[in-house]
Amino acid sequence: MENNSALHIKTVITGVIAALTAFWGWFGWLVIIWVGLMLADWLVGSAVASKEGRWSSAKLREGAWHKGGMIVIVCVALVADWLIGMMTRNLPGIALPFTYTVLIGPLVIVWYVIGELGSLAEHAVHMGAPVPEWLPKILAAGKSAVDAAGDKIVGEDEPHEEA
């Protein structure tokens, strides 16, 4: 039987998680996971570089700018979601057969989450951990599925080359 303080701590943690879920919903947790993975990738990548003697403050700053750019892109996607929602609710003649809440933001964040997971797996390899052959394939398939969903939204059936 558990002691009362451990039970109390578990109850408080469960209550906090429930309250945050009610407040944020699934999308809030997706953002929290993405931010946590970005931080983990930055820290683990720095640790690996330090271990291998490749750490430099310039590389650290470059990584910070990279992460900052990702945050800007997510903000752009979220503003685009907001704009589309406002247009469909307030402009006459623009209607969708469903209530629009968010679409672009979650797709972008899931795309970044998969990328962060792949980067963490690469760092693990540099740390000496074996990686199952299928893990990178699953991550690549997930990223391709998100890309395909985005392409389907804009009506592109053919893969496109990046500029």
C-alpha atoms as a PDB file:
ATOM      1  CA  MET A   1       0.000   0.000   0.000  1.00  0.00           C
ATOM      2  CA  GLU A   2       1.285   3.437  -0.920  1.00  0.00           C
ATOM      3  CA  ASN A   3       1.893   6.064   1.688  1.00  0.00           C
ATOM      4  CA  ASN A   4      -0.360   9.114   1.696  1.00  0.00           C
ATOM      5  CA  SER A   5       2.272  11.604   0.488  1.00  0.00           C
ATOM      6  CA  ALA A   6       3.049   9.548  -2.650  1.00  0.00           C
ATOM      7  CA  LEU A   7      -0.662   9.189  -3.361  1.00  0.00           C
ATOM      8  CA  HIS A   8      -1.128  12.928  -2.802  1.00  0.00           C
ATOM      9  CA  ILE A   9       1.708  13.734  -5.242  1.00  0.00           C
ATOM     10  CA  LYS A  10       0.225  11.415  -7.888  1.00  0.00           C
ATOM     11  CA  THR A  11      -3.191  13.004  -7.393  1.00  0.00           C
ATOM     12  CA  VAL A  12      -1.786  16.515  -7.772  1.00  0.00           C
ATOM     13  CA  ILE A  13       0.178  15.569 -10.900  1.00  0.00           C
ATOM     14  CA  THR A  14      -2.882  13.914 -12.429  1.00  0.00           C
ATOM     15  CA  GLY A  15      -4.995  16.956 -11.594  1.00  0.00           C
ATOM     16  CA  VAL A  16      -2.478  19.353 -13.152  1.00  0.00           C
ATOM     17  CA  ILE A  17      -2.248  17.266 -16.325  1.00  0.00           C
ATOM     18  CA  ALA A  18      -6.055  17.086 -16.546  1.00  0.00           C
ATOM     19  CA  ALA A  19      -6.385  20.849 -16.059  1.00  0.00           C
ATOM     20  CA  LEU A  20      -3.744  21.601 -18.681  1.00  0.00           C
ATOM     21  CA  THR A  21      -5.375  19.192 -21.122  1.00  0.00           C
ATOM     22  CA  ALA A  22      -8.747  20.867 -20.570  1.00  0.00           C
ATOM     23  CA  PHE A  23      -7.133  24.263 -21.123  1.00  0.00           C
ATOM     24  CA  TRP A  24      -4.789  23.405 -24.041  1.00  0.00           C
ATOM     25  CA  GLY A  25      -6.397  20.351 -25.575  1.00  0.00           C
ATOM     26  CA  TRP A  26      -4.433  18.018 -27.816  1.00  0.00           C
ATOM     27  CA  PHE A  27      -2.891  20.869 -29.783  1.00  0.00           C
ATOM     28  CA  GLY A  28      -1.318  22.441 -26.704  1.00  0.00           C
ATOM     29  CA  TRP A  29       0.311  19.143 -25.804  1.00  0.00           C
ATOM     30  CA  LEU A  30       1.595  18.836 -29.366  1.00  0.00           C
ATOM     31  CA  VAL A  31       3.277  22.234 -29.010  1.00  0.00           C
ATOM     32  CA  ILE A  32       4.740  21.271 -25.613  1.00  0.00           C
ATOM     33  CA  ILE A  33       6.127  18.025 -27.056  1.00  0.00           C
ATOM     34  CA  TRP A  34       7.660  19.911 -29.997  1.00  0.00           C
ATOM     35  CA  VAL A  35       9.291  22.517 -27.750  1.00  0.00           C
ATOM     36  CA  GLY A  36      10.605  19.769 -25.454  1.00  0.00           C
ATOM     37  CA  LEU A  37      12.048  17.855 -28.399  1.00  0.00           C
ATOM     38  CA  MET A  38      13.672  21.011 -29.798  1.00  0.00           C
ATOM     39  CA  LEU A  39      15.322  21.665 -26.460  1.00  0.00           C
ATOM     40  CA  ALA A  40      16.385  18.020 -26.105  1.00  0.00           C
ATOM     41  CA  ASP A  41      17.827  17.991 -29.631  1.00  0.00           C
ATOM     42  CA  TRP A  42      19.796  21.171 -28.981  1.00  0.00           C
ATOM     43  CA  LEU A  43      21.137  19.942 -25.645  1.00  0.00           C
ATOM     44  CA  VAL A  44      21.926  16.386 -26.786  1.00  0.00           C
ATOM     45  CA  GLY A  45      23.484  17.678 -29.999  1.00  0.00           C
ATOM     46  CA  SER A  46      25.665  20.025 -27.950  1.00  0.00           C
ATOM     47  CA  ALA A  47      26.669  17.180 -25.636  1.00  0.00           C
ATOM     48  CA  VAL A  48      27.575  14.931 -28.573  1.00  0.00           C
ATOM     49  CA  ALA A  49      29.597  17.715 -30.203  1.00  0.00           C
ATOM     50  CA  SER A  50      31.382  18.310 -26.902  1.00  0.00           C
ATOM     51  CA  LYS A  51      32.117  14.592 -26.507  1.00  0.00           C
ATOM     52  CA  GLU A  52      33.577  14.450 -30.010  1.00  0.00           C
ATOM     53  CA  GLY A  53      35.576  17.663 -29.555  1.00  0.00           C
ATOM     54  CA  ARG A  54      33.486  19.543 -32.157  1.00  0.00           C
ATOM     55  CA  TRP A  55      31.646  21.902 -29.790  1.00  0.00           C
ATOM     56  CA  SER A  56      31.847  25.584 -30.606  1.00  0.00           C
ATOM     57  CA  SER A  57      29.868  28.599 -29.524  1.00  0.00           C
ATOM     58  CA  ALA A  58      29.384  29.513 -33.196  1.00  0.00           C
ATOM     59  CA  LYS A  59      27.733  26.131 -33.859  1.00  0.00           C
ATOM     60  CA  LEU A  60      25.618  26.584 -30.722  1.00  0.00           C
ATOM     61  CA  ARG A  61      24.426  29.982 -31.963  1.00  0.00           C
ATOM     62  CA  GLU A  62      23.763  28.504 -35.409  1.00  0.00           C
ATOM     63  CA  GLY A  63      21.599  25.836 -33.778  1.00  0.00           C
ATOM     64  CA  ALA A  64      19.743  28.489 -31.793  1.00  0.00           C
ATOM     65  CA  TRP A  65      19.049  30.469 -34.977  1.00  0.00           C
ATOM     66  CA  HIS A  66      17.847  27.280 -36.670  1.00  0.00           C
ATOM     67  CA  LYS A  67      15.427  26.587 -33.813  1.00  0.00           C
ATOM     68  CA  GLY A  68      14.345  30.238 -33.857  1.00  0.00           C
ATOM     69  CA  GLY A  69      13.542  29.952 -37.551  1.00  0.00           C
ATOM     70  CA  MET A  70      11.419  26.894 -36.828  1.00  0.00           C
ATOM     71  CA  ILE A  71       9.480  28.900 -34.247  1.00  0.00           C
ATOM     72  CA  VAL A  72       8.899  31.665 -36.816  1.00  0.00           C
ATOM     73  CA  ILE A  73       7.553  29.120 -39.343  1.00  0.00           C
ATOM     74  CA  VAL A  74       5.184  27.643 -36.741  1.00  0.00           C
ATOM     75  CA  CYS A  75       3.968  31.163 -35.909  1.00  0.00           C
ATOM     76  CA  VAL A  76       3.370  31.811 -39.625  1.00  0.00           C
ATOM     77  CA  ALA A  77       1.383  28.562 -39.877  1.00  0.00           C
ATOM     78  CA  LEU A  78      -0.683  29.425 -36.797  1.00  0.00           C
ATOM     79  CA  VAL A  79      -1.450  32.918 -38.091  1.00  0.00           C
ATOM     80  CA  ALA A  80      -2.453  31.360 -41.426  1.00  0.00           C
ATOM     81  CA  ASP A  81      -4.809  29.030 -39.522  1.00  0.00           C
ATOM     82  CA  TRP A  82      -6.261  32.007 -37.660  1.00  0.00           C
ATOM     83  CA  LEU A  83      -6.668  33.978 -40.906  1.00  0.00           C
ATOM     84  CA  ILE A  84      -8.416  31.126 -42.708  1.00  0.00           C
ATOM     85  CA  GLY A  85     -10.716  30.622 -39.725  1.00  0.00           C
ATOM     86  CA  MET A  86     -11.560  34.333 -39.595  1.00  0.00           C
ATOM     87  CA  MET A  87     -12.205  34.429 -43.346  1.00  0.00           C
ATOM     88  CA  THR A  88     -14.525  31.432 -43.291  1.00  0.00           C
ATOM     89  CA  ARG A  89     -16.472  32.797 -40.323  1.00  0.00           C
ATOM     90  CA  ASN A  90     -16.741  36.433 -41.352  1.00  0.00           C
ATOM     91  CA  LEU A  91     -16.483  36.934 -45.111  1.00  0.00           C
ATOM     92  CA  PRO A  92     -19.634  36.372 -47.137  1.00  0.00           C
ATOM     93  CA  GLY A  93     -19.302  33.810 -49.878  1.00  0.00           C
ATOM     94  CA  ILE A  94     -16.425  31.944 -48.244  1.00  0.00           C
ATOM     95  CA  ALA A  95     -17.716  28.760 -46.688  1.00  0.00           C
ATOM     96  CA  LEU A  96     -16.358  25.337 -45.922  1.00  0.00           C
ATOM     97  CA  PRO A  97     -18.450  22.204 -45.374  1.00  0.00           C
ATOM     98  CA  PHE A  98     -17.005  21.993 -41.836  1.00  0.00           C
ATOM     99  CA  THR A  99     -16.002  24.313 -39.014  1.00  0.00           C
ATOM    100  CA  TYR A 100     -12.388  25.327 -39.511  1.00  0.00           C
ATOM    101  CA  THR A 101     -10.252  25.495 -36.384  1.00  0.00           C
ATOM    102  CA  VAL A 102      -6.643  24.544 -37.146  1.00  0.00           C
ATOM    103  CA  LEU A 103      -4.952  22.522 -39.849  1.00  0.00           C
ATOM    104  CA  ILE A 104      -1.755  24.142 -41.081  1.00  0.00           C
ATOM    105  CA  GLY A 105      -0.194  24.649 -37.642  1.00  0.00           C
ATOM    106  CA  PRO A 106      -0.567  21.035 -36.503  1.00  0.00           C
ATOM    107  CA  LEU A 107       0.763  19.724 -39.824  1.00  0.00           C
ATOM    108  CA  VAL A 108       3.839  21.950 -39.569  1.00  0.00           C
ATOM    109  CA  ILE A 109       4.439  21.032 -35.937  1.00  0.00           C
ATOM    110  CA  VAL A 110       4.056  17.288 -36.586  1.00  0.00           C
ATOM    111  CA  TRP A 111       6.512  17.650 -39.492  1.00  0.00           C
ATOM    112  CA  TYR A 112       8.984  19.333 -37.136  1.00  0.00           C
ATOM    113  CA  VAL A 113       8.381  16.765 -34.359  1.00  0.00           C
ATOM    114  CA  ILE A 114       9.272  13.949 -36.736  1.00  0.00           C
ATOM    115  CA  GLY A 115      12.391  15.840 -37.797  1.00  0.00           C
ATOM    116  CA  GLU A 116      13.437  16.370 -34.169  1.00  0.00           C
ATOM    117  CA  LEU A 117      12.946  12.662 -33.456  1.00  0.00           C
ATOM    118  CA  GLY A 118      15.150  11.809 -36.427  1.00  0.00           C
ATOM    119  CA  SER A 119      17.806  14.253 -35.258  1.00  0.00           C
ATOM    120  CA  LEU A 120      17.749  12.774 -31.749  1.00  0.00           C
ATOM    121  CA  ALA A 121      18.149   9.289 -33.259  1.00  0.00           C
ATOM    122  CA  GLU A 122      21.181  10.532 -35.205  1.00  0.00           C
ATOM    123  CA  HIS A 123      22.663  11.958 -32.005  1.00  0.00           C
ATOM    124  CA  ALA A 124      22.081   8.611 -30.285  1.00  0.00           C
ATOM    125  CA  VAL A 125      24.082   6.885 -33.024  1.00  0.00           C
ATOM    126  CA  HIS A 126      26.958   9.315 -32.385  1.00  0.00           C
ATOM    127  CA  MET A 127      26.685   8.419 -28.705  1.00  0.00           C
ATOM    128  CA  GLY A 128      27.187   4.769 -29.617  1.00  0.00           C
ATOM    129  CA  ALA A 129      23.610   3.502 -29.356  1.00  0.00           C
ATOM    130  CA  PRO A 130      22.424   0.954 -31.898  1.00  0.00           C
ATOM    131  CA  VAL A 131      19.357   2.077 -33.845  1.00  0.00           C
ATOM    132  CA  PRO A 132      16.906  -0.415 -35.324  1.00  0.00           C
ATOM    133  CA  GLU A 133      17.045  -0.236 -39.125  1.00  0.00           C
ATOM    134  CA  TRP A 134      13.312   0.310 -39.323  1.00  0.00           C
ATOM    135  CA  LEU A 135      13.215   3.389 -37.038  1.00  0.00           C
ATOM    136  CA  PRO A 136      14.639   5.883 -39.583  1.00  0.00           C
ATOM    137  CA  LYS A 137      12.381   4.317 -42.221  1.00  0.00           C
ATOM    138  CA  ILE A 138       9.295   4.822 -40.034  1.00  0.00           C
ATOM    139  CA  LEU A 139      10.279   8.427 -39.308  1.00  0.00           C
ATOM    140  CA  ALA A 140      10.856   9.068 -43.028  1.00  0.00           C
ATOM    141  CA  ALA A 141       7.480   7.494 -43.833  1.00  0.00           C
ATOM    142  CA  GLY A 142       5.801   9.703 -41.229  1.00  0.00           C
ATOM    143  CA  LYS A 143       7.418  12.818 -42.652  1.00  0.00           C
ATOM    144  CA  SER A 144       6.396  11.762 -46.176  1.00  0.00           C
ATOM    145  CA  ALA A 145       2.818  11.220 -44.988  1.00  0.00           C
ATOM    146  CA  VAL A 146       2.696  14.740 -43.532  1.00  0.00           C
ATOM    147  CA  ASP A 147       4.172  16.139 -46.758  1.00  0.00           C
ATOM    148  CA  ALA A 148       1.554  14.215 -48.765  1.00  0.00           C
ATOM    149  CA  ALA A 149      -1.233  15.578 -46.552  1.00  0.00           C
ATOM    150  CA  GLY A 150       0.026  19.124 -47.080  1.00  0.00           C
ATOM    151  CA  ASP A 151       0.318  18.565 -50.832  1.00  0.00           C
ATOM    152  CA  LYS A 152      -3.211  17.142 -50.921  1.00  0.00           C
ATOM    153  CA  ILE A 153      -4.557  20.251 -49.194  1.00  0.00           C
ATOM    154  CA  VAL A 154      -3.089  22.531 -51.851  1.00  0.00           C
ATOM    155  CA  GLY A 155      -4.058  20.165 -54.659  1.00  0.00           C
ATOM    156  CA  GLU A 156      -0.613  18.934 -55.624  1.00  0.00           C
ATOM    157  CA  ASP A 157      -0.505  15.269 -56.505  1.00  0.00           C
ATOM    158  CA  GLU A 158       3.014  15.280 -57.907  1.00  0.00           C
ATOM    159  CA  PRO A 159       6.051  15.621 -55.634  1.00  0.00           C
ATOM    160  CA  HIS A 160       7.811  18.923 -56.142  1.00  0.00           C
ATOM    161  CA  GLU A 161      11.457  19.857 -56.032  1.00  0.00           C
ATOM    162  CA  GLU A 162      12.611  22.308 -53.406  1.00  0.00           C
ATOM    163  CA  ALA A 163      14.238  25.516 -54.597  1.00  0.00           C
END
